[in-house]
Amino acid sequence: MNDNPTDKKVGSPTVENENSENQTEEKTNQEEGCKNDEKQANEAEGPPAKKKCTETCAPKTVVQEKVEEKSIDRLIEDELKELGDKNKRRFLSLDSGCNGVAFIQMRKIDGDPCPKDIVQHIMTSAASTRKHMSRFIIRMLPIEVACYASEEEISRAIAPVVEKYFPVDTQDPLKFAVMYEARANSGIDRMKIINSVAKSVPGPHKVDLGNPDKTIVVEIVKTVCLIGVIEKYKELSKYNLRQLTSSKQ
């Protein structure tokens, strides 16, 4: 009697342990199966997600590049339009009608240096550095007024220039000279023009051809007379860039 219950008691736990191990193995297999399924699902879903990101990001980059290209093109178009408008150009090249002579018209803006100051700065810099900034330019002369090449018109046009640089009421009179040159025009008397310009300068100031403080430039090109006033004409090699930057200077 006692043997049977003992066998039952001994035998029953043995049966339960085997069932638990089988259940554990089944759970483990199920968990591993789930992990494998999730891994496979992730691997299966991975490439499409990456592809999707690439597809969504690529158009944005292309759109940005197109926007940048359009903006650059628009800026270039605006700049070309501004250059095409002669009224907005700072410097404008005019046909002088004479070979070897170029006339650059400057649009004056309040507060900016005048042509005289610009040209003198260029000459002074060239004299100090001995470097020629252009192989095509020989001389540069600043011009302030232009008129028809006749004695009467020249006398009328030079009046405001003389008033500006040679004031009557001054305690420091200046010495001046007249530099005259004519191109493609042989119908004007050289000495009449020089004497007319010299007489337009008021009395306190005197003519000095050897060492003038200021030089009045009178350039005649065909039927146009160009008038300007410059300083240090001889010291700066008569505003000749080639002579000014030569090694012999």
Protein backbone atom coordinates (compact mmCIF):
# COMPACT_ATOMS: atom_id res chain seq x y z
CA MET A 1 0.00 0.00 0.00
CA ASN A 2 2.75 2.33 0.90
CA ASP A 3 4.75 1.50 -2.22
CA ASN A 4 2.00 2.61 -4.60
CA PRO A 5 1.48 6.07 -3.17
CA THR A 6 5.20 6.54 -3.07
CA ASP A 7 5.49 5.56 -6.68
CA LYS A 8 2.69 7.95 -7.54
CA LYS A 9 4.30 10.73 -5.61
CA VAL A 10 7.67 10.05 -7.11
CA GLY A 11 6.31 9.52 -10.56
CA SER A 12 4.08 12.54 -10.78
CA PRO A 13 6.76 15.16 -10.33
CA THR A 14 8.82 13.49 -13.00
CA VAL A 15 6.00 13.82 -15.47
CA GLU A 16 5.42 17.53 -14.61
CA ASN A 17 9.12 18.44 -15.13
CA GLU A 18 9.14 16.96 -18.60
CA ASN A 19 6.04 18.94 -19.52
CA SER A 20 7.57 22.20 -18.22
CA GLU A 21 10.75 21.66 -20.19
CA ASN A 22 8.74 20.99 -23.30
CA GLN A 23 6.70 24.15 -22.66
CA THR A 24 9.88 26.16 -22.12
CA GLU A 25 11.37 24.87 -25.33
CA GLU A 26 8.16 25.69 -27.17
CA LYS A 27 8.13 29.24 -25.73
CA THR A 28 11.78 29.71 -26.64
CA ASN A 29 11.11 28.49 -30.14
CA GLN A 30 8.13 30.80 -30.38
CA GLU A 31 10.14 33.82 -29.14
CA GLU A 32 12.98 33.05 -31.53
CA GLY A 33 10.44 32.64 -34.30
CA CYS A 34 8.90 36.01 -33.43
CA LYS A 35 12.32 37.68 -33.36
CA ASN A 36 13.20 36.14 -36.69
CA ASP A 37 9.88 37.28 -38.09
CA GLU A 38 10.47 40.82 -36.77
CA LYS A 39 14.01 40.82 -38.08
CA GLN A 40 12.84 39.64 -41.47
CA ALA A 41 10.08 42.22 -41.40
CA ASN A 42 12.55 44.98 -40.52
CA GLU A 43 14.94 43.83 -43.21
CA ALA A 44 12.09 43.67 -45.66
CA GLU A 45 10.86 47.13 -44.68
CA GLY A 46 14.36 48.69 -44.46
CA PRO A 47 15.22 49.17 -48.15
CA PRO A 48 11.86 50.66 -49.09
CA ALA A 49 12.14 53.19 -46.24
CA LYS A 50 15.61 54.19 -47.40
CA LYS A 51 14.40 54.38 -50.95
CA LYS A 52 11.48 56.45 -49.85
CA CYS A 53 13.78 58.90 -48.05
CA THR A 54 15.97 59.15 -51.11
CA GLU A 55 12.97 59.78 -53.31
CA THR A 56 11.60 62.46 -51.01
CA CYS A 57 14.96 64.21 -50.45
CA ALA A 58 16.18 64.22 -54.03
CA PRO A 59 13.47 66.50 -55.45
CA LYS A 60 14.10 69.09 -52.71
CA THR A 61 17.77 69.33 -53.68
CA VAL A 62 16.89 69.65 -57.34
CA VAL A 63 14.31 72.33 -56.52
CA GLN A 64 16.84 74.27 -54.42
CA GLU A 65 19.41 74.13 -57.23
CA LYS A 66 16.80 75.35 -59.71
CA VAL A 67 15.82 78.20 -57.37
CA GLU A 68 19.48 79.20 -56.94
CA GLU A 69 20.06 79.05 -60.68
CA LYS A 70 17.01 81.20 -61.29
CA SER A 71 18.09 83.73 -58.70
CA ILE A 72 21.58 83.98 -60.21
CA ASP A 73 20.13 84.29 -63.69
CA ARG A 74 17.81 86.99 -62.47
CA LEU A 75 20.71 88.90 -60.91
CA ILE A 76 22.70 88.68 -64.14
CA GLU A 77 19.70 89.86 -66.15
CA ASP A 78 19.17 92.81 -63.80
CA GLU A 79 22.84 93.78 -64.04
CA LEU A 80 22.79 93.57 -67.83
CA LYS A 81 19.68 95.73 -67.92
CA GLU A 82 21.38 98.30 -65.71
CA LEU A 83 24.48 98.30 -67.93
CA GLY A 84 22.26 98.66 -70.98
CA ASP A 85 20.68 101.79 -69.53
CA LYS A 86 23.07 104.60 -70.42
CA ASN A 87 21.54 106.86 -67.81
CA LYS A 88 22.69 104.53 -65.01
CA ARG A 89 26.24 103.96 -66.25
CA ARG A 90 28.97 105.60 -64.20
CA PHE A 91 31.39 105.79 -67.14
CA LEU A 92 30.42 105.96 -70.79
CA SER A 93 32.73 105.70 -73.79
CA LEU A 94 32.06 108.26 -76.50
CA ASP A 95 33.33 108.19 -80.05
CA SER A 96 35.84 111.00 -80.50
CA GLY A 97 35.96 110.57 -84.26
CA CYS A 98 39.75 110.63 -84.14
CA ASN A 99 42.06 107.62 -84.20
CA GLY A 100 44.06 107.13 -81.02
CA VAL A 101 41.81 109.37 -78.91
CA ALA A 102 39.24 107.95 -76.51
CA PHE A 103 36.80 110.08 -74.56
CA ILE A 104 35.27 108.66 -71.37
CA GLN A 105 32.30 110.55 -70.00
CA MET A 106 31.83 110.37 -66.22
CA ARG A 107 28.45 110.69 -64.55
CA LYS A 108 28.99 113.04 -61.61
CA ILE A 109 27.52 112.08 -58.25
CA ASP A 110 27.49 114.45 -55.29
CA GLY A 111 30.35 113.76 -52.92
CA ASP A 112 32.43 111.82 -55.45
CA PRO A 113 35.82 113.02 -56.72
CA CYS A 114 35.89 114.91 -60.00
CA PRO A 115 37.82 113.72 -63.10
CA LYS A 116 40.74 115.98 -62.16
CA ASP A 117 41.15 114.30 -58.78
CA ILE A 118 40.81 110.80 -60.24
CA VAL A 119 43.39 111.32 -63.00
CA GLN A 120 45.85 113.05 -60.69
CA HIS A 121 45.55 110.18 -58.20
CA ILE A 122 46.27 107.68 -60.98
CA MET A 123 49.34 109.63 -62.10
CA THR A 124 50.67 110.05 -58.57
CA SER A 125 50.24 106.34 -57.87
CA ALA A 126 51.97 105.41 -61.13
CA ALA A 127 54.87 107.74 -60.30
CA SER A 128 55.37 106.14 -56.88
CA THR A 129 54.98 102.50 -57.95
CA ARG A 130 56.49 102.71 -61.45
CA LYS A 131 53.80 100.29 -62.63
CA HIS A 132 51.86 100.87 -65.83
CA MET A 133 48.25 99.81 -65.31
CA SER A 134 47.45 99.51 -69.02
CA ARG A 135 49.59 98.89 -72.08
CA PHE A 136 47.09 100.71 -74.31
CA ILE A 137 46.98 104.06 -72.48
CA ILE A 138 49.71 106.61 -73.16
CA ARG A 139 48.26 109.79 -71.65
CA MET A 140 45.30 110.70 -69.50
CA LEU A 141 43.98 114.25 -69.29
CA PRO A 142 41.03 115.34 -67.14
CA ILE A 143 38.40 117.45 -68.91
CA GLU A 144 35.74 119.56 -67.19
CA VAL A 145 33.93 121.37 -70.01
CA ALA A 146 33.46 120.85 -73.72
CA CYS A 147 32.34 123.27 -76.41
CA TYR A 148 32.51 124.01 -80.10
CA ALA A 149 36.02 124.72 -81.28
CA SER A 150 35.88 128.46 -81.91
CA GLU A 151 37.47 131.42 -80.16
CA GLU A 152 34.13 132.84 -79.01
CA GLU A 153 32.77 129.54 -77.68
CA ILE A 154 36.03 128.72 -75.91
CA SER A 155 36.09 132.11 -74.15
CA ARG A 156 32.50 131.58 -73.01
CA ALA A 157 32.99 127.97 -71.86
CA ILE A 158 36.20 128.57 -69.93
CA ALA A 159 34.75 131.33 -67.72
CA PRO A 160 33.34 129.01 -64.95
CA VAL A 161 36.54 126.96 -64.95
CA VAL A 162 38.69 130.05 -64.44
CA GLU A 163 36.39 131.28 -61.71
CA LYS A 164 36.68 127.94 -59.92
CA TYR A 165 40.47 127.59 -59.98
CA PHE A 166 41.65 131.20 -60.25
CA PRO A 167 39.59 133.35 -57.87
CA VAL A 168 39.97 137.12 -58.04
CA ASP A 169 40.02 137.77 -54.30
CA THR A 170 43.04 135.78 -53.18
CA GLN A 171 46.21 136.49 -51.22
CA ASP A 172 48.06 133.60 -52.83
CA PRO A 173 48.24 134.22 -56.61
CA LEU A 174 48.98 131.22 -58.80
CA LYS A 175 51.33 130.75 -61.70
CA PHE A 176 49.75 129.10 -64.71
CA ALA A 177 50.46 127.96 -68.26
CA VAL A 178 48.29 127.03 -71.23
CA MET A 179 48.79 123.65 -72.92
CA TYR A 180 47.24 123.65 -76.39
CA GLU A 181 46.96 120.72 -78.78
CA ALA A 182 44.78 120.18 -81.87
CA ARG A 183 43.96 116.98 -83.76
CA ALA A 184 42.22 116.74 -87.13
CA ASN A 185 41.66 120.50 -87.15
CA SER A 186 43.96 122.94 -88.90
CA GLY A 187 41.51 125.83 -89.32
CA ILE A 188 42.04 127.39 -85.87
CA ASP A 189 44.82 129.80 -85.04
CA ARG A 190 46.82 128.29 -82.20
CA MET A 191 48.15 131.56 -80.75
CA LYS A 192 44.71 133.23 -80.79
CA ILE A 193 43.29 130.46 -78.65
CA ILE A 194 46.23 130.50 -76.23
CA ASN A 195 46.10 134.29 -75.82
CA SER A 196 42.32 134.22 -75.40
CA VAL A 197 42.57 131.61 -72.62
CA ALA A 198 45.45 133.43 -70.90
CA LYS A 199 43.55 136.75 -70.92
CA SER A 200 40.52 135.11 -69.29
CA VAL A 201 42.55 134.49 -66.09
CA PRO A 202 42.28 137.50 -63.69
CA GLY A 203 45.18 139.77 -62.80
CA PRO A 204 46.54 138.43 -59.48
CA HIS A 205 47.59 135.24 -61.28
CA LYS A 206 50.52 135.28 -63.68
CA VAL A 207 51.79 133.23 -66.58
CA ASP A 208 54.84 131.08 -65.86
CA LEU A 209 55.74 128.56 -68.54
CA GLY A 210 58.76 127.22 -66.65
CA ASN A 211 57.21 126.30 -63.30
CA PRO A 212 53.40 126.71 -63.30
CA ASP A 213 51.22 125.81 -60.32
CA LYS A 214 48.36 124.89 -62.60
CA THR A 215 48.14 124.13 -66.30
CA ILE A 216 45.06 124.89 -68.38
CA VAL A 217 44.52 122.09 -70.91
CA VAL A 218 42.97 123.03 -74.25
CA GLU A 219 42.48 119.95 -76.45
CA ILE A 220 40.81 120.33 -79.83
CA VAL A 221 39.57 117.17 -81.54
CA LYS A 222 37.99 117.93 -84.90
CA THR A 223 35.27 120.47 -84.10
CA VAL A 224 35.15 119.92 -80.32
CA CYS A 225 37.24 121.78 -77.75
CA LEU A 226 37.96 120.07 -74.40
CA ILE A 227 39.08 122.21 -71.44
CA GLY A 228 40.49 121.17 -68.07
CA VAL A 229 42.91 122.23 -65.32
CA ILE A 230 45.67 119.98 -63.96
CA GLU A 231 48.51 120.25 -61.45
CA LYS A 232 52.17 119.16 -61.60
CA TYR A 233 52.04 118.85 -65.37
CA LYS A 234 55.80 118.72 -65.88
CA GLU A 235 56.60 116.89 -62.64
CA LEU A 236 54.28 114.05 -63.72
CA SER A 237 55.89 113.75 -67.17
CA LYS A 238 53.11 115.72 -68.87
CA TYR A 239 50.68 112.99 -67.69
CA ASN A 240 52.37 110.47 -69.97
CA LEU A 241 52.09 107.07 -68.28
CA ARG A 242 54.81 105.42 -70.35
CA GLN A 243 57.37 108.07 -69.52
CA LEU A 244 56.19 108.23 -65.93
CA THR A 245 56.68 104.49 -65.36
CA SER A 246 59.85 104.01 -67.41
CA SER A 247 63.05 102.95 -65.65
CA LYS A 248 64.91 106.05 -66.89
CA GLN A 249 62.50 108.37 -65.06
